[in-house]
Amino acid sequence: MIEVLKDVRVLEQGTFITGPACGMLLGDLGADVIKVEQPGTGDPFRAFKGGLYSPHFQTYNRNKRSITIDTKSAAERDQLYELVKTADVYIQNFRPGVAEQLGVGEQQLRALNPRLIYCSISGFGATGPSASRPSYDTVAQAASGYLNLLVNPANPRVVGPAIADAVTGFYAAYGVLGALFERSRTGHGRKVEVSMLEAMTHWNLDAFTHYYSAGEVMGPFSRPRVSQSYVMECKDGKWIALHMSSPEKFWQGLANAIERPGIFQDARFATREARIANQEAMIEVLSERFATRTRTDWCNRLLAEDVPHAPMYDTSEALQDPQAQHLQLLVSATHATMGEFRTVRPPVSFDGERSLSVRPPPTLGEHNGDIQQMLAARSTT
């Protein structure tokens, strides 16, 4: 692991995705992330078919240690307070007001540790008419205008992964890193706040810029049409994606690959603007051609013509691609009781070195003894 955050201690009292995703990102950078969980059940994302080590939990909880503390118990809360005194960062994603009820509000913890970076993640923000509303991934996507860019009106369905949850965790980590840098110069901690609504609204920045600068309300097909993006089914039932963008050389290469060099003599396809206006007609032409060869055949042809493309892999295929294997995207480790853990490594390299080692997600309370021993040693010094 590339430990650019070595010696930074993070206490994460997060559940589900937003808080744990923030903690994981900091852990990926080498921080010592201690996940504080309720005894017995822990993070609700643990639960899976009677167990406490679900695939969902594994996704966002690598590179962490787990300790169980009943924060409703005064005696155990004192143990948490001792941990706070050793921490650089504290993360929670409770509804507004809950942290204070549990004795872990910003002012309560800052009295113990003035240098603490306190990160609070919410659904709609700490104040305002919607502050107390429950929020989950789809709710945040919809409220930010982002879901409107994903749902096909002809077949309305919520699609894709929990992007609002993950994005909010990313922005929280981004804020924490900024606060840590400032503290290195000033010595003072900060309260870092981010809501799912704020995070997804910023993530949806392109759509808002179009609206306020050009008066255009974008829909699910607006960007793909302008960027000239296509997905095509091949003869073998596999799919391929094309992103043709603006340079004419890409279109000329595609025309050569599909053996239609005269396609630009058709007025509907003669210019970029014409192709955008006649996208459906272009899809018909390309669909007919791509149905004649396998995906591998098309990839070879497109590669030879330098056309921007990629196989539209499913999850079982993507990490088997030669480039993915060259980049060593798949990493693994063995947990003493849970066995092999495989995941995708952090995407950032430092000085050409990739982070290839990973700590498997902890079982509930796995590190109780280690952390309690650490606190006991600290109290005697």
Protein backbone atom coordinates (compact mmCIF):
# COMPACT_ATOMS: atom_id res chain seq x y z
CA MET A 1 0.00 0.00 0.00
CA ILE A 2 1.27 3.51 -0.85
CA GLU A 3 0.82 5.23 2.52
CA VAL A 4 0.68 8.94 1.72
CA LEU A 5 -1.64 9.30 4.75
CA LYS A 6 0.53 7.21 7.06
CA ASP A 7 0.12 8.18 10.73
CA VAL A 8 -3.27 9.82 10.04
CA ARG A 9 -5.89 8.17 12.25
CA VAL A 10 -9.53 8.18 11.12
CA LEU A 11 -12.50 7.19 13.28
CA GLU A 12 -15.42 6.22 11.08
CA GLN A 13 -18.83 5.87 12.69
CA GLY A 14 -20.47 5.38 9.32
CA THR A 15 -23.10 2.99 8.00
CA PHE A 16 -24.25 1.83 4.57
CA ILE A 17 -22.20 3.66 1.88
CA THR A 18 -21.52 7.40 2.20
CA GLY A 19 -19.53 7.38 5.45
CA PRO A 20 -17.82 4.04 4.81
CA ALA A 21 -16.88 5.10 1.27
CA CYS A 22 -15.18 8.20 2.67
CA GLY A 23 -13.32 6.09 5.21
CA MET A 24 -12.28 3.54 2.59
CA LEU A 25 -10.82 6.21 0.31
CA LEU A 26 -8.72 7.56 3.16
CA GLY A 27 -7.72 4.03 4.12
CA ASP A 28 -6.67 3.37 0.53
CA LEU A 29 -4.20 6.23 0.94
CA GLY A 30 -2.68 4.66 4.04
CA ALA A 31 -4.68 6.19 6.88
CA ASP A 32 -5.35 4.06 9.95
CA VAL A 33 -9.14 3.81 9.71
CA ILE A 34 -10.92 2.49 12.79
CA LYS A 35 -14.53 1.61 12.11
CA VAL A 36 -16.67 2.07 15.22
CA GLU A 37 -19.67 -0.29 15.19
CA GLN A 38 -22.56 -1.29 17.40
CA PRO A 39 -22.06 -4.63 19.19
CA GLY A 40 -24.03 -7.56 17.81
CA THR A 41 -25.07 -6.17 14.44
CA GLY A 42 -22.51 -3.57 13.40
CA ASP A 43 -22.96 -1.63 10.19
CA PRO A 44 -26.39 -2.63 8.78
CA PHE A 45 -24.69 -3.17 5.42
CA ARG A 46 -23.00 -6.23 6.94
CA ALA A 47 -26.20 -8.29 7.00
CA PHE A 48 -26.43 -10.86 4.22
CA LYS A 49 -28.16 -14.25 4.25
CA GLY A 50 -27.77 -14.58 7.99
CA GLY A 51 -24.14 -13.44 8.03
CA LEU A 52 -22.31 -10.19 8.74
CA TYR A 53 -19.91 -10.02 5.79
CA SER A 54 -22.02 -9.11 2.79
CA PRO A 55 -20.60 -8.23 -0.66
CA HIS A 56 -22.05 -4.74 -0.14
CA PHE A 57 -20.14 -4.35 3.13
CA GLN A 58 -16.94 -5.71 1.61
CA THR A 59 -17.09 -3.14 -1.19
CA TYR A 60 -16.65 -0.09 1.04
CA ASN A 61 -14.83 -1.42 4.10
CA ARG A 62 -11.41 -2.65 3.08
CA ASN A 63 -8.28 -1.20 4.70
CA LYS A 64 -10.01 -0.70 8.05
CA ARG A 65 -10.00 -2.05 11.60
CA SER A 66 -13.26 -2.72 13.45
CA ILE A 67 -14.06 -2.08 17.10
CA THR A 68 -17.46 -2.51 18.74
CA ILE A 69 -18.58 0.24 21.10
CA ASP A 70 -22.09 0.77 22.43
CA THR A 71 -22.26 4.55 22.26
CA LYS A 72 -25.51 4.49 24.25
CA SER A 73 -23.53 3.22 27.23
CA ALA A 74 -21.71 5.94 29.17
CA ALA A 75 -18.83 3.63 30.09
CA GLU A 76 -18.26 2.48 26.53
CA ARG A 77 -18.70 6.00 25.18
CA ASP A 78 -15.73 6.99 27.34
CA GLN A 79 -13.70 4.44 25.37
CA LEU A 80 -14.76 6.17 22.16
CA TYR A 81 -13.75 9.50 23.66
CA GLU A 82 -10.28 8.13 24.40
CA LEU A 83 -10.03 7.12 20.74
CA VAL A 84 -11.15 10.60 19.68
CA LYS A 85 -8.21 12.08 21.56
CA THR A 86 -5.86 10.06 19.35
CA ALA A 87 -7.65 10.78 16.07
CA ASP A 88 -7.07 13.21 13.23
CA VAL A 89 -10.44 12.70 11.53
CA TYR A 90 -13.91 11.64 12.65
CA ILE A 91 -16.59 10.65 10.10
CA GLN A 92 -20.32 10.16 10.66
CA ASN A 93 -23.33 10.01 8.35
CA PHE A 94 -26.19 10.22 10.84
CA ARG A 95 -29.30 12.29 10.23
CA PRO A 96 -28.89 15.87 11.51
CA GLY A 97 -29.14 15.98 15.30
CA VAL A 98 -28.48 12.28 15.93
CA ALA A 99 -24.75 12.71 16.56
CA GLU A 100 -25.43 15.20 19.35
CA GLN A 101 -27.93 12.78 20.93
CA LEU A 102 -25.26 10.05 20.87
CA GLY A 103 -22.68 12.35 22.43
CA VAL A 104 -20.55 12.59 19.29
CA GLY A 105 -21.50 16.01 17.95
CA GLU A 106 -18.78 18.32 16.66
CA GLN A 107 -18.58 20.54 19.74
CA GLN A 108 -18.58 17.52 22.04
CA LEU A 109 -15.65 15.90 20.24
CA ARG A 110 -13.74 19.11 19.56
CA ALA A 111 -13.65 19.78 23.31
CA LEU A 112 -11.64 16.56 23.55
CA ASN A 113 -9.46 17.20 20.50
CA PRO A 114 -9.27 20.77 19.07
CA ARG A 115 -7.22 19.55 16.07
CA LEU A 116 -9.93 17.10 14.99
CA ILE A 117 -11.26 17.19 11.43
CA TYR A 118 -14.97 16.47 11.96
CA CYS A 119 -16.74 15.19 8.84
CA SER A 120 -20.55 15.18 8.83
CA ILE A 121 -22.41 13.61 5.89
CA SER A 122 -26.16 14.03 5.46
CA GLY A 123 -28.88 13.53 2.89
CA PHE A 124 -30.17 17.07 2.39
CA GLY A 125 -27.91 19.19 4.61
CA ALA A 126 -27.90 20.08 8.30
CA THR A 127 -30.53 22.82 8.04
CA GLY A 128 -33.43 23.81 5.81
CA PRO A 129 -36.92 22.51 4.99
CA SER A 130 -35.69 19.07 3.90
CA ALA A 131 -32.94 18.55 6.48
CA SER A 132 -34.85 15.92 8.45
CA ARG A 133 -36.00 13.89 5.42
CA PRO A 134 -34.56 10.41 4.87
CA SER A 135 -32.37 10.12 1.80
CA TYR A 136 -31.00 7.19 -0.12
CA ASP A 137 -29.17 6.92 -3.41
CA THR A 138 -32.15 7.16 -5.77
CA VAL A 139 -33.65 10.03 -3.77
CA ALA A 140 -30.46 12.08 -4.10
CA GLN A 141 -30.12 11.26 -7.80
CA ALA A 142 -33.68 12.44 -8.41
CA ALA A 143 -33.48 15.61 -6.29
CA SER A 144 -30.26 16.72 -8.03
CA GLY A 145 -31.65 16.34 -11.55
CA TYR A 146 -29.20 13.53 -12.31
CA LEU A 147 -31.71 10.69 -12.45
CA ASN A 148 -33.52 12.54 -15.24
CA LEU A 149 -30.41 12.01 -17.37
CA LEU A 150 -30.46 8.24 -16.86
CA VAL A 151 -34.08 7.16 -17.17
CA ASN A 152 -35.35 6.26 -20.63
CA PRO A 153 -38.86 7.77 -20.87
CA ALA A 154 -39.93 4.92 -23.17
CA ASN A 155 -39.07 2.33 -20.52
CA PRO A 156 -38.74 4.15 -17.20
CA ARG A 157 -36.58 2.21 -14.77
CA VAL A 158 -33.99 3.23 -12.18
CA VAL A 159 -30.70 1.95 -13.59
CA GLY A 160 -27.10 1.55 -12.61
CA PRO A 161 -25.17 1.35 -9.31
CA ALA A 162 -25.51 3.49 -6.18
CA ILE A 163 -23.61 6.40 -7.70
CA ALA A 164 -24.96 9.13 -5.38
CA ASP A 165 -23.79 7.24 -2.30
CA ALA A 166 -20.32 6.61 -3.70
CA VAL A 167 -19.93 10.13 -5.11
CA THR A 168 -20.91 11.67 -1.77
CA GLY A 169 -18.26 9.58 -0.03
CA PHE A 170 -15.72 10.74 -2.61
CA TYR A 171 -16.56 14.42 -2.05
CA ALA A 172 -16.39 13.91 1.74
CA ALA A 173 -12.88 12.46 1.43
CA TYR A 174 -11.94 15.36 -0.86
CA GLY A 175 -13.09 17.82 1.83
CA VAL A 176 -11.24 15.96 4.56
CA LEU A 177 -7.99 16.02 2.58
CA GLY A 178 -8.34 19.78 2.09
CA ALA A 179 -8.94 20.27 5.81
CA LEU A 180 -5.95 18.09 6.70
CA PHE A 181 -3.71 20.15 4.44
CA GLU A 182 -4.94 23.39 5.99
CA ARG A 183 -4.39 21.99 9.49
CA SER A 184 -0.78 21.16 8.61
CA ARG A 185 -0.24 24.91 8.26
CA THR A 186 -2.57 26.36 10.91
CA GLY A 187 -2.81 23.61 13.53
CA HIS A 188 -6.59 24.03 13.67
CA GLY A 189 -9.26 21.47 12.84
CA ARG A 190 -12.33 22.05 10.68
CA LYS A 191 -15.90 20.81 10.41
CA VAL A 192 -16.35 19.33 6.94
CA GLU A 193 -19.97 19.00 5.83
CA VAL A 194 -21.38 17.51 2.65
CA SER A 195 -24.86 16.32 1.75
CA MET A 196 -25.90 13.86 -0.91
CA LEU A 197 -27.93 16.62 -2.56
CA GLU A 198 -24.94 18.97 -2.74
CA ALA A 199 -22.61 16.24 -3.97
CA MET A 200 -24.91 15.05 -6.75
CA THR A 201 -25.81 18.58 -7.82
CA HIS A 202 -22.11 19.29 -8.29
CA TRP A 203 -21.64 15.94 -10.06
CA ASN A 204 -24.43 17.07 -12.42
CA LEU A 205 -22.58 20.32 -13.17
CA ASP A 206 -22.60 19.91 -16.95
CA ALA A 207 -26.39 19.80 -17.14
CA PHE A 208 -26.75 22.94 -15.02
CA THR A 209 -24.13 24.79 -17.07
CA HIS A 210 -26.02 23.97 -20.25
CA TYR A 211 -29.26 25.19 -18.74
CA TYR A 212 -27.92 28.47 -17.39
CA SER A 213 -25.70 29.31 -20.35
CA ALA A 214 -27.76 27.99 -23.29
CA GLY A 215 -31.26 27.56 -21.89
CA GLU A 216 -31.19 23.82 -22.67
CA VAL A 217 -32.67 21.20 -20.37
CA MET A 218 -30.66 18.07 -21.06
CA GLY A 219 -32.24 14.63 -21.18
CA PRO A 220 -30.92 11.06 -21.21
CA PHE A 221 -29.93 11.21 -24.88
CA SER A 222 -28.59 14.79 -25.03
CA ARG A 223 -24.93 14.13 -24.30
CA PRO A 224 -24.69 10.83 -26.23
CA ARG A 225 -26.17 12.52 -29.27
CA VAL A 226 -23.76 15.46 -29.23
CA SER A 227 -20.74 13.30 -28.34
CA GLN A 228 -21.82 10.83 -31.05
CA SER A 229 -21.73 7.81 -28.77
CA TYR A 230 -23.15 4.45 -29.78
CA VAL A 231 -23.55 0.91 -28.49
CA MET A 232 -23.83 -1.84 -31.09
CA GLU A 233 -24.77 -5.50 -30.87
CA CYS A 234 -22.46 -7.80 -32.81
CA LYS A 235 -23.07 -11.10 -34.57
CA ASP A 236 -22.20 -13.14 -31.49
CA GLY A 237 -24.66 -11.24 -29.26
CA LYS A 238 -21.89 -9.28 -27.57
CA TRP A 239 -21.84 -5.50 -27.55
CA ILE A 240 -19.32 -2.81 -28.43
CA ALA A 241 -19.24 0.91 -27.59
CA LEU A 242 -18.11 3.77 -29.85
CA HIS A 243 -17.40 7.37 -28.89
CA MET A 244 -16.79 9.26 -32.13
CA SER A 245 -16.52 12.79 -30.74
CA SER A 246 -15.57 15.57 -33.19
CA PRO A 247 -12.41 14.75 -35.20
CA GLU A 248 -13.33 13.70 -38.73
CA LYS A 249 -10.45 11.20 -38.78
CA PHE A 250 -12.41 8.97 -36.40
CA TRP A 251 -15.40 8.92 -38.70
CA GLN A 252 -13.23 8.21 -41.71
CA GLY A 253 -11.66 5.33 -39.81
CA LEU A 254 -15.11 3.98 -38.90
CA ALA A 255 -16.23 4.23 -42.52
CA ASN A 256 -13.19 2.19 -43.55
CA ALA A 257 -13.76 -0.39 -40.80
CA ILE A 258 -17.40 -0.99 -41.77
CA GLU A 259 -16.49 -0.94 -45.48
CA ARG A 260 -18.72 2.03 -46.25
CA PRO A 261 -16.20 4.64 -47.50
CA GLY A 262 -18.93 6.47 -49.43
CA ILE A 263 -21.17 7.02 -46.41
CA PHE A 264 -20.31 10.73 -46.26
CA GLN A 265 -21.83 11.29 -49.69
CA ASP A 266 -25.19 10.80 -47.99
CA ALA A 267 -26.29 14.28 -46.92
CA ARG A 268 -27.59 12.88 -43.62
CA PHE A 269 -24.06 11.87 -42.60
CA ALA A 270 -21.87 14.35 -44.48
CA THR A 271 -21.03 16.56 -41.47
CA ARG A 272 -20.90 16.32 -37.69
CA GLU A 273 -24.01 18.45 -37.40
CA ALA A 274 -25.86 16.27 -39.89
CA ARG A 275 -24.89 13.09 -38.07
CA ILE A 276 -26.12 14.54 -34.78
CA ALA A 277 -29.42 15.56 -36.35
CA ASN A 278 -29.83 12.15 -37.98
CA GLN A 279 -28.58 9.98 -35.16
CA GLU A 280 -31.40 7.43 -35.45
CA ALA A 281 -30.68 6.93 -39.15
CA MET A 282 -26.99 6.47 -38.36
CA ILE A 283 -27.84 3.91 -35.69
CA GLU A 284 -29.80 1.92 -38.29
CA VAL A 285 -26.87 1.89 -40.70
CA LEU A 286 -24.32 0.95 -38.03
CA SER A 287 -26.58 -1.68 -36.46
CA GLU A 288 -26.93 -3.45 -39.78
CA ARG A 289 -23.17 -3.51 -40.33
CA PHE A 290 -22.18 -4.54 -36.79
CA ALA A 291 -24.58 -7.48 -36.89
CA THR A 292 -22.41 -9.08 -39.59
CA ARG A 293 -19.28 -9.80 -37.51
CA THR A 294 -18.31 -10.89 -34.00
CA ARG A 295 -17.21 -8.42 -31.36
CA THR A 296 -13.62 -9.60 -31.59
CA ASP A 297 -13.62 -9.06 -35.36
CA TRP A 298 -14.97 -5.54 -34.94
CA CYS A 299 -12.46 -4.69 -32.21
CA ASN A 300 -9.61 -5.74 -34.48
CA ARG A 301 -10.96 -3.68 -37.38
CA LEU A 302 -11.60 -0.59 -35.25
CA LEU A 303 -8.20 -0.86 -33.61
CA ALA A 304 -6.52 -0.96 -37.01
CA GLU A 305 -8.31 2.26 -37.97
CA ASP A 306 -7.66 4.02 -34.60
CA VAL A 307 -11.38 4.39 -33.87
CA PRO A 308 -12.29 5.15 -30.20
CA HIS A 309 -14.05 1.98 -29.04
CA ALA A 310 -14.18 -0.70 -26.36
CA PRO A 311 -15.98 -3.97 -25.85
CA MET A 312 -19.01 -3.37 -23.62
CA TYR A 313 -17.84 -5.81 -20.97
CA ASP A 314 -19.87 -7.20 -18.12
CA THR A 315 -18.29 -7.50 -14.68
CA SER A 316 -16.98 -11.01 -15.32
CA GLU A 317 -15.08 -9.82 -18.40
CA ALA A 318 -13.71 -6.37 -17.64
CA LEU A 319 -10.75 -7.32 -15.44
CA GLN A 320 -9.72 -10.08 -17.85
CA ASP A 321 -8.89 -7.53 -20.55
CA PRO A 322 -5.14 -7.48 -21.30
CA GLN A 323 -4.87 -3.78 -20.43
CA ALA A 324 -6.70 -4.27 -17.12
CA GLN A 325 -4.34 -7.13 -16.32
CA HIS A 326 -1.31 -5.05 -17.30
CA LEU A 327 -2.48 -2.31 -14.90
CA GLN A 328 -2.95 -4.93 -12.16
CA LEU A 329 -6.44 -3.67 -11.38
CA LEU A 330 -7.51 -6.84 -9.59
CA VAL A 331 -5.86 -7.34 -6.20
CA SER A 332 -6.47 -9.86 -3.46
CA ALA A 333 -5.69 -10.79 0.12
CA THR A 334 -6.64 -13.54 2.50
CA HIS A 335 -8.66 -12.94 5.65
CA ALA A 336 -7.81 -15.31 8.50
CA THR A 337 -11.43 -16.45 8.91
CA MET A 338 -13.32 -15.22 5.83
CA GLY A 339 -10.88 -16.50 3.22
CA GLU A 340 -9.92 -14.85 -0.07
CA PHE A 341 -10.94 -11.25 -0.68
CA ARG A 342 -10.67 -9.83 -4.19
CA THR A 343 -11.24 -6.22 -5.13
CA VAL A 344 -10.17 -3.42 -7.48
CA ARG A 345 -7.07 -1.52 -6.36
CA PRO A 346 -7.04 2.26 -5.82
CA PRO A 347 -6.67 3.99 -9.20
CA VAL A 348 -3.95 6.51 -8.27
CA SER A 349 -0.23 5.73 -8.56
CA PHE A 350 2.52 7.65 -6.78
CA ASP A 351 5.92 7.99 -8.45
CA GLY A 352 4.93 5.17 -10.77
CA GLU A 353 4.15 2.80 -7.92
CA ARG A 354 0.71 1.20 -7.69
CA SER A 355 -1.00 0.25 -4.47
CA LEU A 356 -1.26 -3.53 -4.83
CA SER A 357 -1.69 -4.68 -1.23
CA VAL A 358 -5.03 -4.51 0.54
CA ARG A 359 -6.36 -5.28 4.01
CA PRO A 360 -9.55 -7.37 3.81
CA PRO A 361 -12.69 -5.88 5.36
CA PRO A 362 -12.79 -6.65 9.09
CA THR A 363 -15.20 -8.98 10.80
CA LEU A 364 -17.31 -7.28 13.45
CA GLY A 365 -15.13 -6.25 16.39
CA GLU A 366 -12.12 -8.02 14.91
CA HIS A 367 -9.67 -5.52 16.35
CA ASN A 368 -11.26 -4.93 19.77
CA GLY A 369 -8.28 -6.41 21.59
CA ASP A 370 -5.62 -4.58 19.60
CA ILE A 371 -7.29 -1.19 19.94
CA GLN A 372 -8.13 -1.61 23.62
CA GLN A 373 -4.52 -2.63 24.26
CA MET A 374 -3.36 0.49 22.42
CA LEU A 375 -5.59 2.70 24.59
CA ALA A 376 -4.44 0.96 27.75
CA ALA A 377 -0.80 1.52 26.82
CA ARG A 378 -1.52 5.17 26.12
CA SER A 379 -3.16 5.65 29.53
CA THR A 380 -0.08 4.37 31.32
CA THR A 381 2.35 6.71 29.54
